[in-house]
C-alpha cells in the first residue's frame, strides 16, 4: 500500500511539473525555425555545405565526428550560437583558444572552407552557427 501511495504521489508530481512547464513550452515561437530559412536568400546553402562535407569526409572520415563534436560543444553551454568558432581578438579570448578547447576541438579548417564557399555563393547571409548545425546534421548522415 505504501508503494501505491508513493507511485501516486510521484505521478501527481510529474503531472504538476508538466502542467507548470507547459506555458513555457508553448511560449516558444517555432516560426523562427525552418528548413527553408535560406530558400530565398541563399538557395544553394545546404547543397554547398553538403558537398563540402562529402569532400571533407571522403578525404578524412574523422571529419564527420569532428563536426558533430564542434556542434555539441557550441550548443552545450549557452546555445548554438557559433561562439566555439570565435578567434581571439585584442580584447577577448575566443572560445576556439580557450583552455578547455585548445587541444580538444578540431575541424575548424573544414568550417573555414565551407564558410568561404558560402561567402562566395551568397556573402554575409549564412551564419556560422547555422553552417555548423547543417554540417553536423550532414555529418550524421555521411
Protein backbone atom coordinates (compact mmCIF):
# COMPACT_ATOMS: atom_id res chain seq x y z
CA UNK A 1 0.00 0.00 0.00
CA UNK A 2 2.81 2.38 0.80
CA UNK A 3 4.27 1.66 -2.62
CA UNK A 4 1.00 2.51 -4.36
CA UNK A 5 0.74 5.79 -2.45
CA UNK A 6 4.34 6.63 -3.32
CA UNK A 7 3.73 5.89 -7.02
CA UNK A 8 0.59 8.04 -6.99
CA UNK A 9 2.50 10.96 -5.43
CA UNK A 10 5.30 10.61 -7.98
CA UNK A 11 2.76 10.53 -10.82
CA UNK A 12 0.91 13.54 -9.43
CA UNK A 13 4.20 15.41 -9.09
CA UNK A 14 5.13 14.57 -12.69
CA UNK A 15 1.79 15.82 -13.97
CA UNK A 16 2.08 19.01 -11.90
CA UNK A 17 5.59 19.69 -13.25
CA UNK A 18 4.40 19.12 -16.80
CA UNK A 19 1.45 21.49 -16.35
CA UNK A 20 3.74 24.16 -14.89
CA UNK A 21 6.20 23.79 -17.79
CA UNK A 22 3.52 23.73 -20.49
CA UNK A 23 3.18 27.54 -20.79
CA UNK A 24 6.96 27.80 -21.24
CA UNK A 25 6.90 25.22 -23.99
CA UNK A 26 4.02 26.94 -25.73
CA UNK A 27 5.64 30.39 -25.44
CA UNK A 28 8.47 29.45 -27.79
CA UNK A 29 7.99 30.74 -31.29
CA UNK A 30 8.66 27.87 -33.69
CA UNK A 31 8.26 30.15 -36.70
CA UNK A 32 11.92 31.12 -36.35
CA UNK A 33 12.96 27.53 -37.05
CA UNK A 34 12.52 26.45 -40.62
CA UNK A 35 14.15 24.04 -43.01
CA UNK A 36 13.54 26.63 -45.73
CA UNK A 37 15.21 29.51 -43.88
CA UNK A 38 17.72 30.16 -46.67
CA UNK A 39 15.49 29.12 -49.57
CA UNK A 40 15.20 32.70 -50.87
CA UNK A 41 18.37 34.37 -49.58
CA UNK A 42 20.83 31.55 -50.32
CA UNK A 43 19.02 28.69 -52.04
CA UNK A 44 22.16 26.58 -52.53
CA UNK A 45 23.39 26.91 -48.94
CA UNK A 46 22.52 23.39 -47.85
CA UNK A 47 23.86 21.94 -51.09
CA UNK A 48 27.17 23.81 -50.64
CA UNK A 49 27.54 22.57 -47.07
CA UNK A 50 26.64 19.01 -48.07
CA UNK A 51 29.09 18.97 -50.99
CA UNK A 52 31.93 20.30 -48.84
CA UNK A 53 31.13 17.84 -46.06
CA UNK A 54 31.15 14.97 -48.55
CA UNK A 55 34.62 16.03 -49.73
CA UNK A 56 35.88 16.54 -46.18
CA UNK A 57 34.63 13.12 -45.03
CA UNK A 58 35.96 11.45 -48.17
CA UNK A 59 39.40 12.99 -47.52
CA UNK A 60 39.35 12.21 -43.80
CA UNK A 61 36.48 10.12 -42.37
CA UNK A 62 37.07 11.54 -38.87
CA UNK A 63 35.86 14.94 -40.11
CA UNK A 64 32.26 13.78 -39.66
CA UNK A 65 32.85 13.16 -35.95
CA UNK A 66 34.78 16.41 -35.61
CA UNK A 67 31.85 18.44 -36.98
CA UNK A 68 29.40 16.71 -34.67
CA UNK A 69 31.70 17.34 -31.70
CA UNK A 70 32.16 21.02 -32.63
CA UNK A 71 28.39 21.45 -32.83
CA UNK A 72 27.91 19.73 -29.47
CA UNK A 73 30.49 21.97 -27.78
CA UNK A 74 28.94 25.03 -29.39
CA UNK A 75 25.45 24.18 -28.15
CA UNK A 76 26.23 22.63 -24.78
CA UNK A 77 26.63 25.68 -22.52
CA UNK A 78 24.66 28.67 -23.79
CA UNK A 79 23.03 27.60 -27.00
CA UNK A 80 24.00 27.07 -30.60
CA UNK A 81 25.49 30.46 -31.42
CA UNK A 82 28.71 29.64 -33.26
CA UNK A 83 30.78 31.03 -30.37
CA UNK A 84 33.05 27.97 -30.38
CA UNK A 85 34.37 29.25 -33.72
CA UNK A 86 35.45 32.65 -32.35
CA UNK A 87 39.12 33.56 -32.68
CA UNK A 88 40.96 35.68 -30.12
CA UNK A 89 40.86 39.45 -30.52
CA UNK A 90 42.85 42.18 -28.80
CA UNK A 91 40.17 42.50 -26.12
CA UNK A 92 38.72 38.99 -25.90
CA UNK A 93 39.86 35.39 -25.68
CA UNK A 94 37.76 33.45 -28.15
CA UNK A 95 36.35 30.05 -27.33
CA UNK A 96 38.47 28.43 -30.02
CA UNK A 97 41.64 29.07 -27.99
CA UNK A 98 40.09 28.69 -24.53
CA UNK A 99 42.00 26.30 -22.25
CA UNK A 100 39.33 23.61 -22.38
CA UNK A 101 39.15 23.71 -26.20
CA UNK A 102 42.66 24.45 -27.46
CA UNK A 103 43.90 20.86 -27.69
CA UNK A 104 40.49 19.25 -27.79
CA UNK A 105 38.43 20.67 -30.63
CA UNK A 106 39.45 20.15 -34.23
CA UNK A 107 37.86 20.58 -37.64
CA UNK A 108 38.00 24.36 -37.80
CA UNK A 109 39.65 24.21 -41.22
CA UNK A 110 36.62 22.31 -42.56
CA UNK A 111 34.31 25.03 -41.21
CA UNK A 112 36.55 27.73 -42.71
CA UNK A 113 36.46 26.04 -46.12
CA UNK A 114 32.66 25.71 -46.03
CA UNK A 115 32.28 29.32 -44.90
CA UNK A 116 34.50 30.54 -47.76
CA UNK A 117 32.34 28.66 -50.29
CA UNK A 118 29.14 30.06 -48.75
CA UNK A 119 30.53 33.60 -48.75
CA UNK A 120 31.41 33.23 -52.44
CA UNK A 121 27.88 31.97 -53.16
CA UNK A 122 25.94 34.48 -51.03
CA UNK A 123 28.05 36.92 -49.00
CA UNK A 124 27.01 37.75 -45.45
CA UNK A 125 23.95 35.52 -45.48
CA UNK A 126 24.55 32.17 -43.77
CA UNK A 127 25.55 32.43 -40.12
CA UNK A 128 28.41 30.38 -38.72
CA UNK A 129 26.01 28.84 -36.20
CA UNK A 130 23.72 27.65 -38.99
CA UNK A 131 26.67 26.43 -41.04
CA UNK A 132 27.86 24.34 -38.09
CA UNK A 133 24.37 22.95 -37.46
CA UNK A 134 23.90 21.97 -41.11
CA UNK A 135 27.40 20.46 -41.28
CA UNK A 136 26.76 18.43 -38.10
CA UNK A 137 23.44 17.22 -39.49
CA UNK A 138 25.13 16.14 -42.70
CA UNK A 139 27.98 14.54 -40.73
CA UNK A 140 25.50 12.21 -39.06
CA UNK A 141 24.17 11.09 -42.44
CA UNK A 142 27.58 10.72 -44.05
